[in-house]
Amino acid sequence: MEGNKRWVSGDLQHPDRDPDRRELVAQQQEPYGSVLSCIDSRVPPELLFDTGLGDLYVMRTGGEAVGPVVTGSVEYGPMTSGTPLVVVLGHQRCGAVKAAYKSLRDDKPLPGNLQAIVKALEPAYRQAVRQGGADPVETMARAQVTLTATDLRTNNDLAPLVKKGELAVVGAYYSLDTGKVEVLTGAPS
């Protein structure tokens, strides 16, 4: 979050982005966090948290959609090297969420494998419909973050690490307008 404060203020440090760091992590990595975020080109976790090479495991899918391969990728850091933090990062004006929302609302499937994203986001859609609100797409985007973080936090492999206090699984939301990351759920105490 300190890195995000630097991103918002423009006072960037660009840590761990030089040949010395590259040489240091060439043989072994020990990232302090994992981020599951959207594929959106405006939401690169390494930049908006002002981090560098070897600092984060980063997985990106449309709308933070998950399935077995993505879940396994998220589990990799905590389960193999003790990475103590997983952040599920949604964002404002998410195109994948908007497309899934319209597809589900209008009962019009998207072409090709895009429909797999729609299916993965359907629980968030149902929650957004129940919740209501002025902007149902934003409600759905936030619901997707919360549901995904909860699913990861309580899954069979990560839950024991969370229970022992060795892992925090945080849901967060990025504002395209301000650059600020807001923690929605799961902040460690």
N, C-alpha and C. Protein backbone atom coordinates (compact mmCIF):
# COMPACT_ATOMS: atom_id res chain seq x y z
N MET A 1 0.82 -1.19 0.00
CA MET A 1 0.00 0.00 0.00
C MET A 1 0.87 1.26 0.00
N GLU A 2 2.07 1.15 0.57
CA GLU A 2 2.99 2.29 0.51
C GLU A 2 3.35 2.59 -0.95
N GLY A 3 3.57 1.53 -1.72
CA GLY A 3 3.87 1.72 -3.13
C GLY A 3 2.71 2.36 -3.87
N ASN A 4 1.48 1.99 -3.50
CA ASN A 4 0.32 2.61 -4.15
C ASN A 4 0.22 4.09 -3.78
N LYS A 5 0.57 4.43 -2.56
CA LYS A 5 0.57 5.86 -2.18
C LYS A 5 1.56 6.63 -3.05
N ARG A 6 2.71 6.02 -3.32
CA ARG A 6 3.69 6.68 -4.19
C ARG A 6 3.14 6.82 -5.61
N TRP A 7 2.42 5.78 -6.10
CA TRP A 7 1.81 5.81 -7.42
C TRP A 7 0.81 6.96 -7.52
N VAL A 8 -0.03 7.09 -6.51
CA VAL A 8 -1.06 8.13 -6.51
C VAL A 8 -0.42 9.51 -6.50
N SER A 9 0.62 9.70 -5.69
CA SER A 9 1.25 11.01 -5.56
C SER A 9 2.23 11.32 -6.69
N GLY A 10 2.65 10.29 -7.43
CA GLY A 10 3.65 10.49 -8.49
C GLY A 10 5.08 10.49 -7.97
N ASP A 11 5.26 10.19 -6.70
CA ASP A 11 6.58 10.15 -6.08
C ASP A 11 7.13 8.72 -6.14
N LEU A 12 7.36 8.22 -7.35
CA LEU A 12 7.72 6.82 -7.56
C LEU A 12 9.19 6.56 -7.24
N GLN A 13 9.44 5.39 -6.69
CA GLN A 13 10.82 4.98 -6.40
C GLN A 13 11.35 3.99 -7.44
N HIS A 14 10.46 3.33 -8.16
CA HIS A 14 10.86 2.30 -9.14
C HIS A 14 11.87 1.33 -8.53
N PRO A 15 11.53 0.70 -7.40
CA PRO A 15 12.50 -0.18 -6.74
C PRO A 15 12.73 -1.47 -7.54
N ASP A 16 13.87 -2.05 -7.31
CA ASP A 16 14.18 -3.38 -7.84
C ASP A 16 14.04 -3.48 -9.36
N ARG A 17 14.51 -2.47 -10.06
CA ARG A 17 14.40 -2.45 -11.52
C ARG A 17 15.75 -2.12 -12.16
N ASP A 18 16.75 -2.86 -11.82
CA ASP A 18 18.07 -2.60 -12.39
C ASP A 18 18.80 -3.93 -12.60
N PRO A 19 19.95 -3.90 -13.29
CA PRO A 19 20.69 -5.14 -13.54
C PRO A 19 21.12 -5.88 -12.27
N ASP A 20 21.42 -5.14 -11.19
CA ASP A 20 21.79 -5.81 -9.94
C ASP A 20 20.64 -6.65 -9.41
N ARG A 21 19.43 -6.11 -9.47
CA ARG A 21 18.26 -6.86 -9.01
C ARG A 21 18.02 -8.07 -9.91
N ARG A 22 18.18 -7.87 -11.21
CA ARG A 22 17.99 -8.98 -12.15
C ARG A 22 18.94 -10.11 -11.83
N GLU A 23 20.19 -9.80 -11.56
CA GLU A 23 21.17 -10.82 -11.20
C GLU A 23 20.81 -11.49 -9.87
N LEU A 24 20.34 -10.72 -8.91
CA LEU A 24 19.99 -11.25 -7.60
C LEU A 24 18.87 -12.27 -7.69
N VAL A 25 17.85 -12.00 -8.50
CA VAL A 25 16.69 -12.90 -8.57
C VAL A 25 16.79 -13.93 -9.70
N ALA A 26 17.89 -13.91 -10.45
CA ALA A 26 18.01 -14.83 -11.58
C ALA A 26 17.95 -16.29 -11.16
N GLN A 27 18.50 -16.63 -10.03
CA GLN A 27 18.55 -18.02 -9.59
C GLN A 27 17.41 -18.41 -8.66
N GLN A 28 16.82 -17.43 -7.98
CA GLN A 28 15.78 -17.74 -6.99
C GLN A 28 14.91 -16.51 -6.77
N GLN A 29 13.62 -16.76 -6.56
CA GLN A 29 12.70 -15.66 -6.28
C GLN A 29 12.01 -15.87 -4.94
N GLU A 30 11.69 -14.77 -4.29
CA GLU A 30 10.95 -14.80 -3.02
C GLU A 30 10.00 -13.61 -2.97
N PRO A 31 9.00 -13.57 -3.86
CA PRO A 31 8.06 -12.45 -3.85
C PRO A 31 7.33 -12.35 -2.52
N TYR A 32 7.07 -11.12 -2.10
CA TYR A 32 6.36 -10.91 -0.84
C TYR A 32 4.85 -10.88 -1.03
N GLY A 33 4.38 -10.93 -2.27
CA GLY A 33 2.95 -10.93 -2.50
C GLY A 33 2.58 -11.53 -3.83
N SER A 34 1.33 -11.94 -3.91
CA SER A 34 0.73 -12.43 -5.15
C SER A 34 -0.47 -11.55 -5.46
N VAL A 35 -0.63 -11.18 -6.73
CA VAL A 35 -1.76 -10.34 -7.12
C VAL A 35 -2.49 -11.03 -8.26
N LEU A 36 -3.78 -11.23 -8.07
CA LEU A 36 -4.67 -11.69 -9.13
C LEU A 36 -5.46 -10.48 -9.56
N SER A 37 -5.23 -10.03 -10.78
CA SER A 37 -5.91 -8.83 -11.28
C SER A 37 -6.46 -9.09 -12.67
N CYS A 38 -7.07 -8.07 -13.20
CA CYS A 38 -7.68 -8.14 -14.52
C CYS A 38 -6.62 -7.96 -15.61
N ILE A 39 -6.98 -8.38 -16.80
CA ILE A 39 -6.08 -8.22 -17.95
C ILE A 39 -6.02 -6.78 -18.45
N ASP A 40 -6.86 -5.92 -17.93
CA ASP A 40 -6.97 -4.53 -18.39
C ASP A 40 -5.60 -3.86 -18.47
N SER A 41 -5.31 -3.24 -19.60
CA SER A 41 -4.01 -2.61 -19.82
C SER A 41 -3.75 -1.42 -18.91
N ARG A 42 -4.79 -0.92 -18.28
CA ARG A 42 -4.65 0.25 -17.40
C ARG A 42 -4.39 -0.14 -15.95
N VAL A 43 -4.25 -1.45 -15.68
CA VAL A 43 -4.15 -1.93 -14.30
C VAL A 43 -2.95 -2.87 -14.13
N PRO A 44 -1.73 -2.41 -14.40
CA PRO A 44 -0.56 -3.28 -14.20
C PRO A 44 -0.11 -3.25 -12.73
N PRO A 45 -0.28 -4.35 -12.01
CA PRO A 45 0.02 -4.36 -10.57
C PRO A 45 1.43 -3.87 -10.22
N GLU A 46 2.43 -4.26 -11.00
CA GLU A 46 3.80 -3.84 -10.68
C GLU A 46 3.94 -2.32 -10.67
N LEU A 47 3.20 -1.64 -11.55
CA LEU A 47 3.29 -0.18 -11.59
C LEU A 47 2.45 0.47 -10.50
N LEU A 48 1.20 0.04 -10.34
CA LEU A 48 0.34 0.75 -9.40
C LEU A 48 0.68 0.46 -7.95
N PHE A 49 1.55 -0.55 -7.69
CA PHE A 49 2.09 -0.76 -6.35
C PHE A 49 3.57 -0.34 -6.28
N ASP A 50 4.09 0.25 -7.36
CA ASP A 50 5.47 0.74 -7.43
C ASP A 50 6.46 -0.33 -6.92
N THR A 51 6.39 -1.50 -7.56
CA THR A 51 7.27 -2.60 -7.19
C THR A 51 8.22 -2.90 -8.34
N GLY A 52 9.03 -3.91 -8.18
CA GLY A 52 9.99 -4.25 -9.20
C GLY A 52 10.13 -5.73 -9.44
N LEU A 53 11.21 -6.08 -10.08
CA LEU A 53 11.51 -7.44 -10.48
C LEU A 53 11.63 -8.36 -9.26
N GLY A 54 10.87 -9.44 -9.26
CA GLY A 54 10.94 -10.42 -8.18
C GLY A 54 10.12 -10.08 -6.95
N ASP A 55 9.37 -8.97 -6.99
CA ASP A 55 8.59 -8.57 -5.81
C ASP A 55 7.22 -9.23 -5.73
N LEU A 56 6.59 -9.48 -6.88
CA LEU A 56 5.22 -9.99 -6.91
C LEU A 56 5.07 -11.16 -7.88
N TYR A 57 4.26 -12.13 -7.48
CA TYR A 57 3.69 -13.07 -8.44
C TYR A 57 2.45 -12.37 -8.99
N VAL A 58 2.27 -12.36 -10.29
CA VAL A 58 1.11 -11.67 -10.87
C VAL A 58 0.39 -12.61 -11.83
N MET A 59 -0.91 -12.76 -11.58
CA MET A 59 -1.79 -13.53 -12.46
C MET A 59 -2.85 -12.55 -12.94
N ARG A 60 -3.15 -12.59 -14.26
CA ARG A 60 -4.14 -11.66 -14.79
C ARG A 60 -5.13 -12.43 -15.66
N THR A 61 -6.41 -12.26 -15.35
CA THR A 61 -7.48 -12.86 -16.14
C THR A 61 -8.59 -11.84 -16.31
N GLY A 62 -9.41 -12.00 -17.33
CA GLY A 62 -10.53 -11.10 -17.54
C GLY A 62 -11.45 -11.11 -16.33
N GLY A 63 -11.62 -9.96 -15.69
CA GLY A 63 -12.51 -9.84 -14.55
C GLY A 63 -12.10 -10.66 -13.34
N GLU A 64 -10.84 -11.00 -13.23
CA GLU A 64 -10.33 -11.86 -12.15
C GLU A 64 -11.07 -13.19 -12.12
N ALA A 65 -11.46 -13.68 -13.30
CA ALA A 65 -12.13 -14.98 -13.40
C ALA A 65 -11.14 -16.06 -12.97
N VAL A 66 -11.64 -17.03 -12.21
CA VAL A 66 -10.77 -18.11 -11.75
C VAL A 66 -11.29 -19.46 -12.21
N GLY A 67 -10.39 -20.39 -12.26
CA GLY A 67 -10.64 -21.79 -12.56
C GLY A 67 -9.47 -22.54 -11.97
N PRO A 68 -9.38 -23.84 -12.19
CA PRO A 68 -8.32 -24.62 -11.55
C PRO A 68 -6.89 -24.15 -11.85
N VAL A 69 -6.58 -23.77 -13.06
CA VAL A 69 -5.21 -23.35 -13.38
C VAL A 69 -4.89 -22.02 -12.70
N VAL A 70 -5.84 -21.10 -12.72
CA VAL A 70 -5.62 -19.81 -12.08
C VAL A 70 -5.51 -19.98 -10.57
N THR A 71 -6.40 -20.76 -9.99
CA THR A 71 -6.33 -21.00 -8.55
C THR A 71 -5.00 -21.65 -8.18
N GLY A 72 -4.56 -22.61 -8.96
CA GLY A 72 -3.25 -23.22 -8.71
C GLY A 72 -2.13 -22.20 -8.81
N SER A 73 -2.24 -21.29 -9.74
CA SER A 73 -1.22 -20.24 -9.89
C SER A 73 -1.20 -19.33 -8.68
N VAL A 74 -2.38 -18.99 -8.15
CA VAL A 74 -2.46 -18.17 -6.95
C VAL A 74 -1.87 -18.92 -5.76
N GLU A 75 -2.14 -20.22 -5.68
CA GLU A 75 -1.66 -21.03 -4.56
C GLU A 75 -0.14 -21.22 -4.59
N TYR A 76 0.47 -21.09 -5.74
CA TYR A 76 1.88 -21.41 -5.91
C TYR A 76 2.77 -20.69 -4.88
N GLY A 77 2.69 -19.38 -4.79
CA GLY A 77 3.56 -18.64 -3.88
C GLY A 77 3.37 -19.02 -2.43
N PRO A 78 2.13 -18.95 -1.91
CA PRO A 78 1.93 -19.31 -0.51
C PRO A 78 2.30 -20.76 -0.19
N MET A 79 2.04 -21.66 -1.11
CA MET A 79 2.24 -23.09 -0.81
C MET A 79 3.66 -23.57 -1.07
N THR A 80 4.42 -22.87 -1.92
CA THR A 80 5.77 -23.35 -2.21
C THR A 80 6.86 -22.51 -1.57
N SER A 81 6.59 -21.23 -1.35
CA SER A 81 7.66 -20.39 -0.80
C SER A 81 7.20 -19.49 0.34
N GLY A 82 6.00 -19.74 0.86
CA GLY A 82 5.54 -18.99 2.02
C GLY A 82 5.17 -17.54 1.75
N THR A 83 4.84 -17.21 0.52
CA THR A 83 4.40 -15.85 0.22
C THR A 83 3.22 -15.51 1.13
N PRO A 84 3.33 -14.42 1.93
CA PRO A 84 2.33 -14.18 2.97
C PRO A 84 1.10 -13.37 2.56
N LEU A 85 1.01 -12.96 1.29
CA LEU A 85 -0.07 -12.09 0.89
C LEU A 85 -0.59 -12.43 -0.50
N VAL A 86 -1.90 -12.51 -0.62
CA VAL A 86 -2.57 -12.62 -1.91
C VAL A 86 -3.55 -11.46 -2.00
N VAL A 87 -3.50 -10.71 -3.08
CA VAL A 87 -4.43 -9.62 -3.32
C VAL A 87 -5.23 -9.93 -4.57
N VAL A 88 -6.56 -9.92 -4.43
CA VAL A 88 -7.46 -10.01 -5.58
C VAL A 88 -7.83 -8.58 -5.89
N LEU A 89 -7.44 -8.11 -7.07
CA LEU A 89 -7.55 -6.69 -7.40
C LEU A 89 -8.51 -6.46 -8.57
N GLY A 90 -9.69 -5.96 -8.25
CA GLY A 90 -10.63 -5.54 -9.28
C GLY A 90 -10.40 -4.07 -9.59
N HIS A 91 -11.19 -3.56 -10.53
CA HIS A 91 -10.99 -2.15 -10.87
C HIS A 91 -12.23 -1.51 -11.47
N GLN A 92 -12.21 -0.21 -11.43
CA GLN A 92 -13.28 0.65 -11.96
C GLN A 92 -13.40 0.46 -13.47
N ARG A 93 -14.62 0.50 -13.94
CA ARG A 93 -14.93 0.42 -15.38
C ARG A 93 -14.29 -0.80 -16.06
N CYS A 94 -14.45 -1.95 -15.45
CA CYS A 94 -13.89 -3.19 -15.99
C CYS A 94 -14.68 -3.64 -17.21
N GLY A 95 -14.02 -3.73 -18.35
CA GLY A 95 -14.67 -4.15 -19.59
C GLY A 95 -15.15 -5.59 -19.56
N ALA A 96 -14.41 -6.47 -18.94
CA ALA A 96 -14.81 -7.88 -18.85
C ALA A 96 -16.07 -8.02 -18.02
N VAL A 97 -16.13 -7.31 -16.90
CA VAL A 97 -17.32 -7.36 -16.05
C VAL A 97 -18.51 -6.75 -16.79
N LYS A 98 -18.29 -5.65 -17.48
CA LYS A 98 -19.37 -5.00 -18.22
C LYS A 98 -19.93 -5.93 -19.30
N ALA A 99 -19.04 -6.59 -20.03
CA ALA A 99 -19.48 -7.52 -21.09
C ALA A 99 -20.24 -8.70 -20.49
N ALA A 100 -19.74 -9.23 -19.38
CA ALA A 100 -20.41 -10.35 -18.73
C ALA A 100 -21.78 -9.92 -18.19
N TYR A 101 -21.83 -8.74 -17.61
CA TYR A 101 -23.09 -8.22 -17.08
C TYR A 101 -24.14 -8.14 -18.20
N LYS A 102 -23.76 -7.52 -19.31
CA LYS A 102 -24.71 -7.38 -20.44
C LYS A 102 -25.11 -8.74 -21.00
N SER A 103 -24.16 -9.66 -21.11
CA SER A 103 -24.45 -10.99 -21.63
C SER A 103 -25.47 -11.71 -20.75
N LEU A 104 -25.27 -11.64 -19.45
CA LEU A 104 -26.17 -12.31 -18.52
C LEU A 104 -27.53 -11.61 -18.44
N ARG A 105 -27.51 -10.30 -18.40
CA ARG A 105 -28.76 -9.53 -18.32
C ARG A 105 -29.63 -9.77 -19.55
N ASP A 106 -28.98 -9.77 -20.73
CA ASP A 106 -29.72 -9.89 -21.98
C ASP A 106 -29.87 -11.33 -22.45
N ASP A 107 -29.29 -12.27 -21.70
CA ASP A 107 -29.30 -13.68 -22.06
C ASP A 107 -28.76 -13.90 -23.49
N LYS A 108 -27.62 -13.24 -23.77
CA LYS A 108 -26.95 -13.36 -25.07
C LYS A 108 -25.51 -13.80 -24.84
N PRO A 109 -25.22 -15.07 -25.09
CA PRO A 109 -23.86 -15.57 -24.87
C PRO A 109 -22.83 -14.81 -25.71
N LEU A 110 -21.64 -14.69 -25.16
CA LEU A 110 -20.53 -14.08 -25.89
C LEU A 110 -19.86 -15.14 -26.75
N PRO A 111 -19.17 -14.72 -27.81
CA PRO A 111 -18.55 -15.70 -28.70
C PRO A 111 -17.32 -16.39 -28.10
N GLY A 112 -17.05 -17.56 -28.62
CA GLY A 112 -15.82 -18.29 -28.28
C GLY A 112 -15.66 -18.53 -26.79
N ASN A 113 -14.42 -18.47 -26.35
CA ASN A 113 -14.09 -18.71 -24.95
C ASN A 113 -14.43 -17.55 -24.03
N LEU A 114 -14.90 -16.44 -24.60
CA LEU A 114 -15.35 -15.34 -23.75
C LEU A 114 -16.51 -15.78 -22.86
N GLN A 115 -17.27 -16.74 -23.32
CA GLN A 115 -18.38 -17.24 -22.53
C GLN A 115 -17.90 -17.91 -21.24
N ALA A 116 -16.69 -18.43 -21.22
CA ALA A 116 -16.14 -19.01 -19.99
C ALA A 116 -15.95 -17.92 -18.93
N ILE A 117 -15.58 -16.72 -19.36
CA ILE A 117 -15.46 -15.60 -18.42
C ILE A 117 -16.83 -15.24 -17.87
N VAL A 118 -17.82 -15.19 -18.76
CA VAL A 118 -19.19 -14.88 -18.34
C VAL A 118 -19.64 -15.88 -17.28
N LYS A 119 -19.41 -17.15 -17.54
CA LYS A 119 -19.83 -18.19 -16.59
C LYS A 119 -19.13 -18.02 -15.24
N ALA A 120 -17.84 -17.71 -15.27
CA ALA A 120 -17.07 -17.53 -14.03
C ALA A 120 -17.57 -16.31 -13.24
N LEU A 121 -18.09 -15.31 -13.93
CA LEU A 121 -18.54 -14.09 -13.26
C LEU A 121 -20.03 -14.12 -12.89
N GLU A 122 -20.71 -15.19 -13.22
CA GLU A 122 -22.14 -15.27 -12.96
C GLU A 122 -22.51 -15.12 -11.47
N PRO A 123 -21.78 -15.71 -10.52
CA PRO A 123 -22.13 -15.49 -9.11
C PRO A 123 -22.07 -14.00 -8.72
N ALA A 124 -21.10 -13.28 -9.24
CA ALA A 124 -21.01 -11.84 -8.96
C ALA A 124 -22.18 -11.09 -9.58
N TYR A 125 -22.60 -11.53 -10.76
CA TYR A 125 -23.77 -10.93 -11.40
C TYR A 125 -25.01 -11.12 -10.53
N ARG A 126 -25.22 -12.35 -10.07
CA ARG A 126 -26.39 -12.65 -9.23
C ARG A 126 -26.36 -11.81 -7.95
N GLN A 127 -25.19 -11.67 -7.36
CA GLN A 127 -25.07 -10.86 -6.15
C GLN A 127 -25.38 -9.39 -6.45
N ALA A 128 -24.88 -8.88 -7.57
CA ALA A 128 -25.12 -7.48 -7.94
C ALA A 128 -26.60 -7.23 -8.19
N VAL A 129 -27.28 -8.18 -8.81
CA VAL A 129 -28.72 -8.03 -9.05
C VAL A 129 -29.46 -7.98 -7.72
N ARG A 130 -29.09 -8.84 -6.78
CA ARG A 130 -29.73 -8.84 -5.45
C ARG A 130 -29.46 -7.53 -4.70
N GLN A 131 -28.22 -7.05 -4.81
CA GLN A 131 -27.80 -5.86 -4.09
C GLN A 131 -28.40 -4.59 -4.66
N GLY A 132 -28.52 -4.52 -5.97
CA GLY A 132 -28.99 -3.30 -6.61
C GLY A 132 -27.92 -2.23 -6.57
N GLY A 133 -28.33 -0.98 -6.69
CA GLY A 133 -27.38 0.13 -6.66
C GLY A 133 -27.45 0.94 -7.93
N ALA A 134 -26.85 2.11 -7.87
CA ALA A 134 -26.89 3.05 -9.00
C ALA A 134 -26.15 2.53 -10.22
N ASP A 135 -25.06 1.83 -10.01
CA ASP A 135 -24.26 1.32 -11.13
C ASP A 135 -24.05 -0.18 -10.95
N PRO A 136 -24.92 -0.99 -11.56
CA PRO A 136 -24.84 -2.44 -11.33
C PRO A 136 -23.54 -3.07 -11.82
N VAL A 137 -22.88 -2.50 -12.82
CA VAL A 137 -21.61 -3.06 -13.29
C VAL A 137 -20.52 -2.85 -12.24
N GLU A 138 -20.48 -1.68 -11.62
CA GLU A 138 -19.50 -1.44 -10.55
C GLU A 138 -19.81 -2.33 -9.35
N THR A 139 -21.10 -2.49 -9.03
CA THR A 139 -21.49 -3.39 -7.94
C THR A 139 -21.02 -4.81 -8.24
N MET A 140 -21.18 -5.23 -9.49
CA MET A 140 -20.75 -6.57 -9.89
C MET A 140 -19.23 -6.70 -9.81
N ALA A 141 -18.49 -5.68 -10.22
CA ALA A 141 -17.03 -5.73 -10.18
C ALA A 141 -16.54 -5.88 -8.74
N ARG A 142 -17.14 -5.15 -7.83
CA ARG A 142 -16.76 -5.25 -6.42
C ARG A 142 -17.17 -6.60 -5.84
N ALA A 143 -18.34 -7.08 -6.24
CA ALA A 143 -18.79 -8.40 -5.79
C ALA A 143 -17.83 -9.49 -6.26
N GLN A 144 -17.35 -9.37 -7.49
CA GLN A 144 -16.42 -10.36 -8.03
C GLN A 144 -15.14 -10.42 -7.18
N VAL A 145 -14.62 -9.27 -6.80
CA VAL A 145 -13.43 -9.22 -5.95
C VAL A 145 -13.69 -9.93 -4.62
N THR A 146 -14.78 -9.56 -3.98
CA THR A 146 -15.10 -10.10 -2.66
C THR A 146 -15.34 -11.61 -2.72
N LEU A 147 -16.10 -12.06 -3.71
CA LEU A 147 -16.37 -13.49 -3.84
C LEU A 147 -15.09 -14.27 -4.12
N THR A 148 -14.26 -13.76 -5.02
CA THR A 148 -13.02 -14.46 -5.36
C THR A 148 -12.07 -14.52 -4.17
N ALA A 149 -11.92 -13.40 -3.46
CA ALA A 149 -11.05 -13.39 -2.28
C ALA A 149 -11.56 -14.36 -1.22
N THR A 150 -12.87 -14.39 -1.01
CA THR A 150 -13.45 -15.31 -0.03
C THR A 150 -13.22 -16.75 -0.44
N ASP A 151 -13.44 -17.05 -1.73
CA ASP A 151 -13.21 -18.42 -2.21
C ASP A 151 -11.76 -18.85 -2.01
N LEU A 152 -10.82 -17.97 -2.30
CA LEU A 152 -9.40 -18.31 -2.12
C LEU A 152 -9.06 -18.45 -0.63
N ARG A 153 -9.57 -17.53 0.17
CA ARG A 153 -9.28 -17.53 1.60
C ARG A 153 -9.79 -18.80 2.28
N THR A 154 -10.85 -19.37 1.75
CA THR A 154 -11.48 -20.53 2.40
C THR A 154 -11.26 -21.84 1.65
N ASN A 155 -10.44 -21.82 0.59
CA ASN A 155 -10.25 -23.08 -0.13
C ASN A 155 -9.42 -24.06 0.69
N ASN A 156 -9.50 -25.33 0.34
CA ASN A 156 -8.88 -26.39 1.15
C ASN A 156 -7.39 -26.21 1.37
N ASP A 157 -6.70 -25.61 0.40
CA ASP A 157 -5.25 -25.51 0.51
C ASP A 157 -4.77 -24.21 1.17
N LEU A 158 -5.49 -23.11 0.96
CA LEU A 158 -5.05 -21.84 1.53
C LEU A 158 -5.64 -21.59 2.91
N ALA A 159 -6.82 -22.11 3.20
CA ALA A 159 -7.48 -21.86 4.49
C ALA A 159 -6.60 -22.21 5.69
N PRO A 160 -5.87 -23.33 5.68
CA PRO A 160 -5.02 -23.62 6.85
C PRO A 160 -3.93 -22.55 7.06
N LEU A 161 -3.40 -22.01 5.96
CA LEU A 161 -2.38 -20.96 6.08
C LEU A 161 -2.99 -19.68 6.64
N VAL A 162 -4.22 -19.37 6.20
CA VAL A 162 -4.92 -18.20 6.70
C VAL A 162 -5.20 -18.37 8.19
N LYS A 163 -5.67 -19.54 8.56
CA LYS A 163 -6.02 -19.82 9.96
C LYS A 163 -4.80 -19.68 10.88
N LYS A 164 -3.63 -20.11 10.40
CA LYS A 164 -2.39 -20.01 11.19
C LYS A 164 -1.83 -18.59 11.21
N GLY A 165 -2.40 -17.69 10.40
CA GLY A 165 -1.88 -16.32 10.32
C GLY A 165 -0.68 -16.19 9.42
N GLU A 166 -0.42 -17.20 8.61
CA GLU A 166 0.73 -17.18 7.70
C GLU A 166 0.39 -16.55 6.35
N LEU A 167 -0.90 -16.34 6.10
CA LEU A 167 -1.35 -15.81 4.81
C LEU A 167 -2.55 -14.90 5.01
N ALA A 168 -2.52 -13.77 4.33
CA ALA A 168 -3.69 -12.89 4.24
C ALA A 168 -4.15 -12.90 2.79
N VAL A 169 -5.45 -13.03 2.59
CA VAL A 169 -6.04 -12.95 1.25
C VAL A 169 -6.95 -11.73 1.26
N VAL A 170 -6.55 -10.71 0.51
CA VAL A 170 -7.19 -9.40 0.55
C VAL A 170 -7.92 -9.15 -0.77
N GLY A 171 -9.12 -8.62 -0.66
CA GLY A 171 -9.84 -8.14 -1.84
C GLY A 171 -9.66 -6.64 -1.91
N ALA A 172 -9.32 -6.12 -3.09
CA ALA A 172 -9.05 -4.69 -3.24
C ALA A 172 -9.62 -4.19 -4.56
N TYR A 173 -9.77 -2.88 -4.65
CA TYR A 173 -10.41 -2.26 -5.81
C TYR A 173 -9.61 -1.04 -6.23
N TYR A 174 -9.27 -0.96 -7.51
CA TYR A 174 -8.44 0.11 -8.05
C TYR A 174 -9.29 1.14 -8.77
N SER A 175 -9.09 2.40 -8.43
CA SER A 175 -9.78 3.50 -9.11
C SER A 175 -8.94 3.97 -10.28
N LEU A 176 -9.50 3.84 -11.48
CA LEU A 176 -8.80 4.36 -12.65
C LEU A 176 -8.68 5.88 -12.58
N ASP A 177 -9.65 6.53 -11.96
CA ASP A 177 -9.66 7.99 -11.89
C ASP A 177 -8.58 8.54 -10.97
N THR A 178 -8.37 7.91 -9.82
CA THR A 178 -7.44 8.46 -8.82
C THR A 178 -6.12 7.70 -8.74
N GLY A 179 -6.12 6.43 -9.19
CA GLY A 179 -4.93 5.58 -9.03
C GLY A 179 -4.86 4.89 -7.69
N LYS A 180 -5.84 5.14 -6.84
CA LYS A 180 -5.81 4.60 -5.47
C LYS A 180 -6.40 3.19 -5.41
N VAL A 181 -5.75 2.34 -4.60
CA VAL A 181 -6.25 1.01 -4.29
C VAL A 181 -6.95 1.07 -2.95
N GLU A 182 -8.19 0.58 -2.92
CA GLU A 182 -9.00 0.54 -1.71
C GLU A 182 -9.14 -0.91 -1.29
N VAL A 183 -8.85 -1.22 -0.04
CA VAL A 183 -9.03 -2.58 0.48
C VAL A 183 -10.50 -2.77 0.78
N LEU A 184 -11.09 -3.85 0.22
CA LEU A 184 -12.50 -4.16 0.42
C LEU A 184 -12.71 -5.20 1.51
N THR A 185 -11.83 -6.19 1.57
CA THR A 185 -12.05 -7.31 2.48
C THR A 185 -10.73 -8.00 2.78
N GLY A 186 -10.65 -8.62 3.97
CA GLY A 186 -9.53 -9.48 4.30
C GLY A 186 -8.26 -8.82 4.75
N ALA A 187 -8.31 -7.51 5.07
CA ALA A 187 -7.09 -6.84 5.52
C ALA A 187 -6.60 -7.49 6.81
N PRO A 188 -5.30 -7.81 6.88
CA PRO A 188 -4.79 -8.41 8.11
C PRO A 188 -4.90 -7.43 9.27
N SER A 189 -5.17 -7.96 10.46
CA SER A 189 -5.32 -7.08 11.63
C SER A 189 -4.00 -6.73 12.26
